[in-house]
Amino acid sequence: MWENFLIAERLKLFNNNERWAQRYFWHTTEQQEVDYIEEEDGILRAFEFKWNKTQKSIVSKTFSSAYPDVEISVITPENYESFIMM
């Protein structure tokens, strides 16, 4: 539910501000994943969504190796407003 809420609000933000981004979800057959990825103006941004800020966020080494220049942000209830309101 947390991930769905964040993505729905992000889509509203982009729509209301007439911004466009390509959106992706990334996972491997080994169950590694990145929750949400955006490509806007040629720039990739990756996001991990965690309800519990103390929960360890492990970013896939496979993803980090394949995309070493991508900024990965962890979104929690403490910082989600910056993700859904720009």
PDB file of N, CA and C in Angstrom:
ATOM      1  N   MET A   1       0.814  -1.185   0.000  1.00  0.00           N
ATOM      2  CA  MET A   1       0.000   0.000   0.000  1.00  0.00           C
ATOM      3  C   MET A   1       0.870   1.267   0.000  1.00  0.00           C
ATOM      4  N   TRP A   2       1.966   1.234   0.767  1.00  0.00           N
ATOM      5  CA  TRP A   2       2.863   2.393   0.857  1.00  0.00           C
ATOM      6  C   TRP A   2       3.435   2.720  -0.518  1.00  0.00           C
ATOM      7  N   GLU A   3       3.926   1.703  -1.207  1.00  0.00           N
ATOM      8  CA  GLU A   3       4.501   1.930  -2.535  1.00  0.00           C
ATOM      9  C   GLU A   3       3.445   2.459  -3.498  1.00  0.00           C
ATOM     10  N   ASN A   4       2.264   1.874  -3.476  1.00  0.00           N
ATOM     11  CA  ASN A   4       1.192   2.325  -4.371  1.00  0.00           C
ATOM     12  C   ASN A   4       0.822   3.778  -4.106  1.00  0.00           C
ATOM     13  N   PHE A   5       0.712   4.147  -2.840  1.00  0.00           N
ATOM     14  CA  PHE A   5       0.397   5.532  -2.478  1.00  0.00           C
ATOM     15  C   PHE A   5       1.446   6.485  -3.046  1.00  0.00           C
ATOM     16  N   LEU A   6       2.717   6.164  -2.824  1.00  0.00           N
ATOM     17  CA  LEU A   6       3.793   7.059  -3.267  1.00  0.00           C
ATOM     18  C   LEU A   6       3.823   7.206  -4.783  1.00  0.00           C
ATOM     19  N   ILE A   7       3.676   6.111  -5.484  1.00  0.00           N
ATOM     20  CA  ILE A   7       3.721   6.177  -6.948  1.00  0.00           C
ATOM     21  C   ILE A   7       2.510   6.934  -7.485  1.00  0.00           C
ATOM     22  N   ALA A   8       1.327   6.686  -6.920  1.00  0.00           N
ATOM     23  CA  ALA A   8       0.124   7.410  -7.367  1.00  0.00           C
ATOM     24  C   ALA A   8       0.276   8.916  -7.147  1.00  0.00           C
ATOM     25  N   GLU A   9       0.801   9.307  -5.997  1.00  0.00           N
ATOM     26  CA  GLU A   9       0.994  10.728  -5.716  1.00  0.00           C
ATOM     27  C   GLU A   9       2.063  11.331  -6.623  1.00  0.00           C
ATOM     28  N   ARG A  10       3.091  10.566  -6.925  1.00  0.00           N
ATOM     29  CA  ARG A  10       4.147  11.051  -7.832  1.00  0.00           C
ATOM     30  C   ARG A  10       3.572  11.276  -9.235  1.00  0.00           C
ATOM     31  N   LEU A  11       2.723  10.352  -9.688  1.00  0.00           N
ATOM     32  CA  LEU A  11       2.091  10.510 -10.996  1.00  0.00           C
ATOM     33  C   LEU A  11       1.214  11.762 -11.029  1.00  0.00           C
ATOM     34  N   LYS A  12       0.483  12.023  -9.958  1.00  0.00           N
ATOM     35  CA  LYS A  12      -0.333  13.237  -9.870  1.00  0.00           C
ATOM     36  C   LYS A  12       0.548  14.485  -9.928  1.00  0.00           C
ATOM     37  N   LEU A  13       1.661  14.462  -9.205  1.00  0.00           N
ATOM     38  CA  LEU A  13       2.589  15.595  -9.204  1.00  0.00           C
ATOM     39  C   LEU A  13       3.066  15.906 -10.619  1.00  0.00           C
ATOM     40  N   PHE A  14       3.504  14.878 -11.326  1.00  0.00           N
ATOM     41  CA  PHE A  14       4.012  15.091 -12.678  1.00  0.00           C
ATOM     42  C   PHE A  14       2.899  15.579 -13.607  1.00  0.00           C
ATOM     43  N   ASN A  15       1.721  14.976 -13.495  1.00  0.00           N
ATOM     44  CA  ASN A  15       0.609  15.377 -14.342  1.00  0.00           C
ATOM     45  C   ASN A  15       0.200  16.825 -14.074  1.00  0.00           C
ATOM     46  N   ASN A  16       0.072  17.184 -12.824  1.00  0.00           N
ATOM     47  CA  ASN A  16      -0.354  18.542 -12.464  1.00  0.00           C
ATOM     48  C   ASN A  16       0.663  19.604 -12.852  1.00  0.00           C
ATOM     49  N   ASN A  17       1.922  19.225 -12.941  1.00  0.00           N
ATOM     50  CA  ASN A  17       2.975  20.173 -13.306  1.00  0.00           C
ATOM     51  C   ASN A  17       3.439  20.009 -14.748  1.00  0.00           C
ATOM     52  N   GLU A  18       2.679  19.232 -15.514  1.00  0.00           N
ATOM     53  CA  GLU A  18       2.975  18.992 -16.923  1.00  0.00           C
ATOM     54  C   GLU A  18       4.417  18.557 -17.148  1.00  0.00           C
ATOM     55  N   ARG A  19       4.856  17.651 -16.311  1.00  0.00           N
ATOM     56  CA  ARG A  19       6.186  17.040 -16.451  1.00  0.00           C
ATOM     57  C   ARG A  19       6.003  15.635 -16.995  1.00  0.00           C
ATOM     58  N   TRP A  20       7.022  15.151 -17.700  1.00  0.00           N
ATOM     59  CA  TRP A  20       6.944  13.819 -18.272  1.00  0.00           C
ATOM     60  C   TRP A  20       8.189  13.034 -17.873  1.00  0.00           C
ATOM     61  N   ALA A  21       7.981  11.797 -17.497  1.00  0.00           N
ATOM     62  CA  ALA A  21       9.099  10.902 -17.193  1.00  0.00           C
ATOM     63  C   ALA A  21       8.707   9.492 -17.599  1.00  0.00           C
ATOM     64  N   GLN A  22       9.679   8.755 -18.084  1.00  0.00           N
ATOM     65  CA  GLN A  22       9.485   7.330 -18.336  1.00  0.00           C
ATOM     66  C   GLN A  22       9.629   6.633 -16.999  1.00  0.00           C
ATOM     67  N   ARG A  23       8.772   5.656 -16.709  1.00  0.00           N
ATOM     68  CA  ARG A  23       8.789   4.982 -15.407  1.00  0.00           C
ATOM     69  C   ARG A  23       9.085   3.502 -15.576  1.00  0.00           C
ATOM     70  N   TYR A  24       9.865   2.973 -14.619  1.00  0.00           N
ATOM     71  CA  TYR A  24      10.251   1.566 -14.681  1.00  0.00           C
ATOM     72  C   TYR A  24      10.213   0.935 -13.297  1.00  0.00           C
ATOM     73  N   PHE A  25      10.054  -0.366 -13.298  1.00  0.00           N
ATOM     74  CA  PHE A  25      10.266  -1.191 -12.117  1.00  0.00           C
ATOM     75  C   PHE A  25      11.351  -2.175 -12.519  1.00  0.00           C
ATOM     76  N   TRP A  26      12.283  -2.451 -11.634  1.00  0.00           N
ATOM     77  CA  TRP A  26      13.436  -3.281 -11.984  1.00  0.00           C
ATOM     78  C   TRP A  26      13.529  -4.445 -11.014  1.00  0.00           C
ATOM     79  N   HIS A  27      13.657  -5.647 -11.556  1.00  0.00           N
ATOM     80  CA  HIS A  27      13.883  -6.819 -10.698  1.00  0.00           C
ATOM     81  C   HIS A  27      14.570  -7.913 -11.509  1.00  0.00           C
ATOM     82  N   THR A  28      15.193  -8.822 -10.786  1.00  0.00           N
ATOM     83  CA  THR A  28      15.893  -9.930 -11.422  1.00  0.00           C
ATOM     84  C   THR A  28      15.203 -11.239 -11.044  1.00  0.00           C
ATOM     85  N   THR A  29      15.601 -12.307 -11.701  1.00  0.00           N
ATOM     86  CA  THR A  29      15.066 -13.625 -11.354  1.00  0.00           C
ATOM     87  C   THR A  29      15.552 -14.083  -9.986  1.00  0.00           C
ATOM     88  N   GLU A  30      16.577 -13.418  -9.447  1.00  0.00           N
ATOM     89  CA  GLU A  30      17.089 -13.737  -8.107  1.00  0.00           C
ATOM     90  C   GLU A  30      16.393 -12.919  -7.015  1.00  0.00           C
ATOM     91  N   GLN A  31      15.282 -12.287  -7.361  1.00  0.00           N
ATOM     92  CA  GLN A  31      14.465 -11.511  -6.420  1.00  0.00           C
ATOM     93  C   GLN A  31      15.108 -10.203  -5.958  1.00  0.00           C
ATOM     94  N   GLN A  32      16.087  -9.709  -6.681  1.00  0.00           N
ATOM     95  CA  GLN A  32      16.631  -8.380  -6.394  1.00  0.00           C
ATOM     96  C   GLN A  32      15.718  -7.375  -7.085  1.00  0.00           C
ATOM     97  N   GLU A  33      15.512  -6.228  -6.441  1.00  0.00           N
ATOM     98  CA  GLU A  33      14.618  -5.254  -7.050  1.00  0.00           C
ATOM     99  C   GLU A  33      14.969  -3.827  -6.648  1.00  0.00           C
ATOM    100  N   VAL A  34      14.492  -2.912  -7.466  1.00  0.00           N
ATOM    101  CA  VAL A  34      14.463  -1.491  -7.156  1.00  0.00           C
ATOM    102  C   VAL A  34      12.997  -1.115  -7.321  1.00  0.00           C
ATOM    103  N   ASP A  35      12.424  -0.461  -6.311  1.00  0.00           N
ATOM    104  CA  ASP A  35      10.985  -0.236  -6.284  1.00  0.00           C
ATOM    105  C   ASP A  35      10.465   0.625  -7.429  1.00  0.00           C
ATOM    106  N   TYR A  36      11.202   1.675  -7.780  1.00  0.00           N
ATOM    107  CA  TYR A  36      10.684   2.623  -8.764  1.00  0.00           C
ATOM    108  C   TYR A  36      11.848   3.374  -9.394  1.00  0.00           C
ATOM    109  N   ILE A  37      11.789   3.521 -10.714  1.00  0.00           N
ATOM    110  CA  ILE A  37      12.837   4.236 -11.442  1.00  0.00           C
ATOM    111  C   ILE A  37      12.163   5.221 -12.390  1.00  0.00           C
ATOM    112  N   GLU A  38      12.718   6.416 -12.467  1.00  0.00           N
ATOM    113  CA  GLU A  38      12.235   7.437 -13.399  1.00  0.00           C
ATOM    114  C   GLU A  38      13.379   7.863 -14.307  1.00  0.00           C
ATOM    115  N   GLU A  39      13.029   8.111 -15.551  1.00  0.00           N
ATOM    116  CA  GLU A  39      13.969   8.724 -16.481  1.00  0.00           C
ATOM    117  C   GLU A  39      13.328  10.011 -16.982  1.00  0.00           C
ATOM    118  N   GLU A  40      13.938  11.126 -16.605  1.00  0.00           N
ATOM    119  CA  GLU A  40      13.422  12.436 -17.002  1.00  0.00           C
ATOM    120  C   GLU A  40      14.564  13.226 -17.610  1.00  0.00           C
ATOM    121  N   ASP A  41      14.381  13.686 -18.839  1.00  0.00           N
ATOM    122  CA  ASP A  41      15.413  14.447 -19.557  1.00  0.00           C
ATOM    123  C   ASP A  41      16.733  13.696 -19.610  1.00  0.00           C
ATOM    124  N   GLY A  42      16.663  12.383 -19.795  1.00  0.00           N
ATOM    125  CA  GLY A  42      17.868  11.567 -19.917  1.00  0.00           C
ATOM    126  C   GLY A  42      18.544  11.224 -18.604  1.00  0.00           C
ATOM    127  N   ILE A  43      17.965  11.623 -17.477  1.00  0.00           N
ATOM    128  CA  ILE A  43      18.550  11.358 -16.164  1.00  0.00           C
ATOM    129  C   ILE A  43      17.729  10.286 -15.457  1.00  0.00           C
ATOM    130  N   LEU A  44      18.416   9.224 -15.022  1.00  0.00           N
ATOM    131  CA  LEU A  44      17.755   8.159 -14.266  1.00  0.00           C
ATOM    132  C   LEU A  44      17.833   8.450 -12.776  1.00  0.00           C
ATOM    133  N   ARG A  45      16.721   8.189 -12.091  1.00  0.00           N
ATOM    134  CA  ARG A  45      16.671   8.272 -10.634  1.00  0.00           C
ATOM    135  C   ARG A  45      15.978   7.014 -10.136  1.00  0.00           C
ATOM    136  N   ALA A  46      16.542   6.414  -9.105  1.00  0.00           N
ATOM    137  CA  ALA A  46      15.968   5.191  -8.546  1.00  0.00           C
ATOM    138  C   ALA A  46      15.505   5.461  -7.120  1.00  0.00           C
ATOM    139  N   PHE A  47      14.440   4.785  -6.733  1.00  0.00           N
ATOM    140  CA  PHE A  47      13.852   4.996  -5.412  1.00  0.00           C
ATOM    141  C   PHE A  47      13.532   3.661  -4.754  1.00  0.00           C
ATOM    142  N   GLU A  48      13.840   3.583  -3.483  1.00  0.00           N
ATOM    143  CA  GLU A  48      13.441   2.468  -2.627  1.00  0.00           C
ATOM    144  C   GLU A  48      12.451   3.025  -1.618  1.00  0.00           C
ATOM    145  N   PHE A  49      11.329   2.353  -1.436  1.00  0.00           N
ATOM    146  CA  PHE A  49      10.295   2.799  -0.503  1.00  0.00           C
ATOM    147  C   PHE A  49      10.315   1.911   0.735  1.00  0.00           C
ATOM    148  N   LYS A  50      10.478   2.520   1.891  1.00  0.00           N
ATOM    149  CA  LYS A  50      10.510   1.790   3.167  1.00  0.00           C
ATOM    150  C   LYS A  50       9.539   2.436   4.142  1.00  0.00           C
ATOM    151  N   TRP A  51       8.612   1.656   4.674  1.00  0.00           N
ATOM    152  CA  TRP A  51       7.675   2.168   5.670  1.00  0.00           C
ATOM    153  C   TRP A  51       8.395   2.439   6.976  1.00  0.00           C
ATOM    154  N   ASN A  52       9.287   1.554   7.351  1.00  0.00           N
ATOM    155  CA  ASN A  52      10.022   1.662   8.606  1.00  0.00           C
ATOM    156  C   ASN A  52      11.418   2.210   8.299  1.00  0.00           C
ATOM    157  N   LYS A  53      11.704   3.414   8.769  1.00  0.00           N
ATOM    158  CA  LYS A  53      12.999   4.037   8.436  1.00  0.00           C
ATOM    159  C   LYS A  53      14.187   3.273   9.013  1.00  0.00           C
ATOM    160  N   THR A  54      13.957   2.468  10.041  1.00  0.00           N
ATOM    161  CA  THR A  54      15.063   1.695  10.618  1.00  0.00           C
ATOM    162  C   THR A  54      15.298   0.397   9.861  1.00  0.00           C
ATOM    163  N   GLN A  55      14.371   0.037   8.969  1.00  0.00           N
ATOM    164  CA  GLN A  55      14.559  -1.158   8.161  1.00  0.00           C
ATOM    165  C   GLN A  55      15.726  -0.935   7.207  1.00  0.00           C
ATOM    166  N   LYS A  56      16.609  -1.872   7.176  1.00  0.00           N
ATOM    167  CA  LYS A  56      17.805  -1.745   6.346  1.00  0.00           C
ATOM    168  C   LYS A  56      17.416  -1.761   4.868  1.00  0.00           C
ATOM    169  N   SER A  57      17.877  -0.779   4.149  1.00  0.00           N
ATOM    170  CA  SER A  57      17.621  -0.696   2.719  1.00  0.00           C
ATOM    171  C   SER A  57      18.853  -1.215   1.986  1.00  0.00           C
ATOM    172  N   ILE A  58      18.684  -2.332   1.335  1.00  0.00           N
ATOM    173  CA  ILE A  58      19.786  -2.931   0.593  1.00  0.00           C
ATOM    174  C   ILE A  58      19.515  -2.729  -0.889  1.00  0.00           C
ATOM    175  N   VAL A  59      20.361  -1.965  -1.516  1.00  0.00           N
ATOM    176  CA  VAL A  59      20.230  -1.728  -2.947  1.00  0.00           C
ATOM    177  C   VAL A  59      20.984  -2.832  -3.668  1.00  0.00           C
ATOM    178  N   SER A  60      20.352  -3.385  -4.652  1.00  0.00           N
ATOM    179  CA  SER A  60      20.928  -4.480  -5.411  1.00  0.00           C
ATOM    180  C   SER A  60      22.304  -4.114  -5.968  1.00  0.00           C
ATOM    181  N   LYS A  61      23.277  -4.959  -5.700  1.00  0.00           N
ATOM    182  CA  LYS A  61      24.614  -4.733  -6.279  1.00  0.00           C
ATOM    183  C   LYS A  61      24.584  -4.922  -7.786  1.00  0.00           C
ATOM    184  N   THR A  62      23.700  -5.774  -8.257  1.00  0.00           N
ATOM    185  CA  THR A  62      23.556  -5.965  -9.696  1.00  0.00           C
ATOM    186  C   THR A  62      23.098  -4.668 -10.351  1.00  0.00           C
ATOM    187  N   PHE A  63      22.111  -4.003  -9.736  1.00  0.00           N
ATOM    188  CA  PHE A  63      21.623  -2.728 -10.265  1.00  0.00           C
ATOM    189  C   PHE A  63      22.713  -1.666 -10.184  1.00  0.00           C
ATOM    190  N   SER A  64      23.352  -1.564  -9.019  1.00  0.00           N
ATOM    191  CA  SER A  64      24.405  -0.550  -8.825  1.00  0.00           C
ATOM    192  C   SER A  64      25.563  -0.747  -9.796  1.00  0.00           C
ATOM    193  N   SER A  65      25.884  -1.982 -10.096  1.00  0.00           N
ATOM    194  CA  SER A  65      26.969  -2.256 -11.049  1.00  0.00           C
ATOM    195  C   SER A  65      26.559  -1.899 -12.472  1.00  0.00           C
ATOM    196  N   ALA A  66      25.319  -2.201 -12.812  1.00  0.00           N
ATOM    197  CA  ALA A  66      24.836  -1.927 -14.169  1.00  0.00           C
ATOM    198  C   ALA A  66      24.604  -0.437 -14.403  1.00  0.00           C
ATOM    199  N   TYR A  67      24.240   0.278 -13.336  1.00  0.00           N
ATOM    200  CA  TYR A  67      23.912   1.705 -13.434  1.00  0.00           C
ATOM    201  C   TYR A  67      24.660   2.478 -12.350  1.00  0.00           C
ATOM    202  N   PRO A  68      25.977   2.575 -12.447  1.00  0.00           N
ATOM    203  CA  PRO A  68      26.771   3.173 -11.365  1.00  0.00           C
ATOM    204  C   PRO A  68      26.518   4.665 -11.136  1.00  0.00           C
ATOM    205  N   ASP A  69      26.002   5.379 -12.114  1.00  0.00           N
ATOM    206  CA  ASP A  69      25.807   6.820 -11.977  1.00  0.00           C
ATOM    207  C   ASP A  69      24.403   7.206 -11.526  1.00  0.00           C
ATOM    208  N   VAL A  70      23.557   6.221 -11.265  1.00  0.00           N
ATOM    209  CA  VAL A  70      22.173   6.508 -10.890  1.00  0.00           C
ATOM    210  C   VAL A  70      22.086   6.810  -9.396  1.00  0.00           C
ATOM    211  N   GLU A  71      21.462   7.928  -9.088  1.00  0.00           N
ATOM    212  CA  GLU A  71      21.211   8.309  -7.697  1.00  0.00           C
ATOM    213  C   GLU A  71      20.070   7.444  -7.170  1.00  0.00           C
ATOM    214  N   ILE A  72      20.264   6.821  -6.007  1.00  0.00           N
ATOM    215  CA  ILE A  72      19.236   5.989  -5.396  1.00  0.00           C
ATOM    216  C   ILE A  72      18.813   6.634  -4.083  1.00  0.00           C
ATOM    217  N   SER A  73      17.528   6.949  -3.975  1.00  0.00           N
ATOM    218  CA  SER A  73      16.986   7.592  -2.779  1.00  0.00           C
ATOM    219  C   SER A  73      16.085   6.617  -2.042  1.00  0.00           C
ATOM    220  N   VAL A  74      16.140   6.665  -0.720  1.00  0.00           N
ATOM    221  CA  VAL A  74      15.248   5.863   0.109  1.00  0.00           C
ATOM    222  C   VAL A  74      14.156   6.793   0.621  1.00  0.00           C
ATOM    223  N   ILE A  75      12.900   6.438   0.335  1.00  0.00           N
ATOM    224  CA  ILE A  75      11.759   7.255   0.716  1.00  0.00           C
ATOM    225  C   ILE A  75      11.052   6.579   1.893  1.00  0.00           C
ATOM    226  N   THR A  76      10.889   7.325   2.982  1.00  0.00           N
ATOM    227  CA  THR A  76      10.255   6.829   4.203  1.00  0.00           C
ATOM    228  C   THR A  76       9.146   7.802   4.618  1.00  0.00           C
ATOM    229  N   PRO A  77       8.351   7.461   5.624  1.00  0.00           N
ATOM    230  CA  PRO A  77       7.339   8.410   6.097  1.00  0.00           C
ATOM    231  C   PRO A  77       7.934   9.733   6.577  1.00  0.00           C
ATOM    232  N   GLU A  78       9.198   9.734   6.943  1.00  0.00           N
ATOM    233  CA  GLU A  78       9.834  10.963   7.425  1.00  0.00           C
ATOM    234  C   GLU A  78      10.244  11.910   6.302  1.00  0.00           C
ATOM    235  N   ASN A  79      10.427  11.399   5.083  1.00  0.00           N
ATOM    236  CA  ASN A  79      10.885  12.276   3.997  1.00  0.00           C
ATOM    237  C   ASN A  79      10.040  12.207   2.728  1.00  0.00           C
ATOM    238  N   TYR A  80       8.885  11.548   2.791  1.00  0.00           N
ATOM    239  CA  TYR A  80       8.099  11.318   1.572  1.00  0.00           C
ATOM    240  C   TYR A  80       7.574  12.606   0.937  1.00  0.00           C
ATOM    241  N   GLU A  81       7.386  13.653   1.730  1.00  0.00           N
ATOM    242  CA  GLU A  81       6.815  14.885   1.168  1.00  0.00           C
ATOM    243  C   GLU A  81       7.700  15.459   0.057  1.00  0.00           C
ATOM    244  N   SER A  82       9.010  15.305   0.208  1.00  0.00           N
ATOM    245  CA  SER A  82       9.890  15.824  -0.851  1.00  0.00           C
ATOM    246  C   SER A  82       9.755  15.004  -2.139  1.00  0.00           C
ATOM    247  N   PHE A  83       9.265  13.778  -2.036  1.00  0.00           N
ATOM    248  CA  PHE A  83       9.067  12.922  -3.206  1.00  0.00           C
ATOM    249  C   PHE A  83       7.762  13.254  -3.933  1.00  0.00           C
ATOM    250  N   ILE A  84       6.731  13.625  -3.180  1.00  0.00           N
ATOM    251  CA  ILE A  84       5.436  13.851  -3.811  1.00  0.00           C
ATOM    252  C   ILE A  84       5.073  15.328  -3.966  1.00  0.00           C
ATOM    253  N   MET A  85       5.925  16.227  -3.461  1.00  0.00           N
ATOM    254  CA  MET A  85       5.700  17.670  -3.619  1.00  0.00           C
ATOM    255  C   MET A  85       7.045  18.312  -3.978  1.00  0.00           C
ATOM    256  N   MET A  86       7.096  18.902  -5.124  1.00  0.00           N
ATOM    257  CA  MET A  86       8.357  19.520  -5.536  1.00  0.00           C
ATOM    258  C   MET A  86       8.227  21.006  -5.576  1.00  0.00           C
TER     259      MET A  86
END
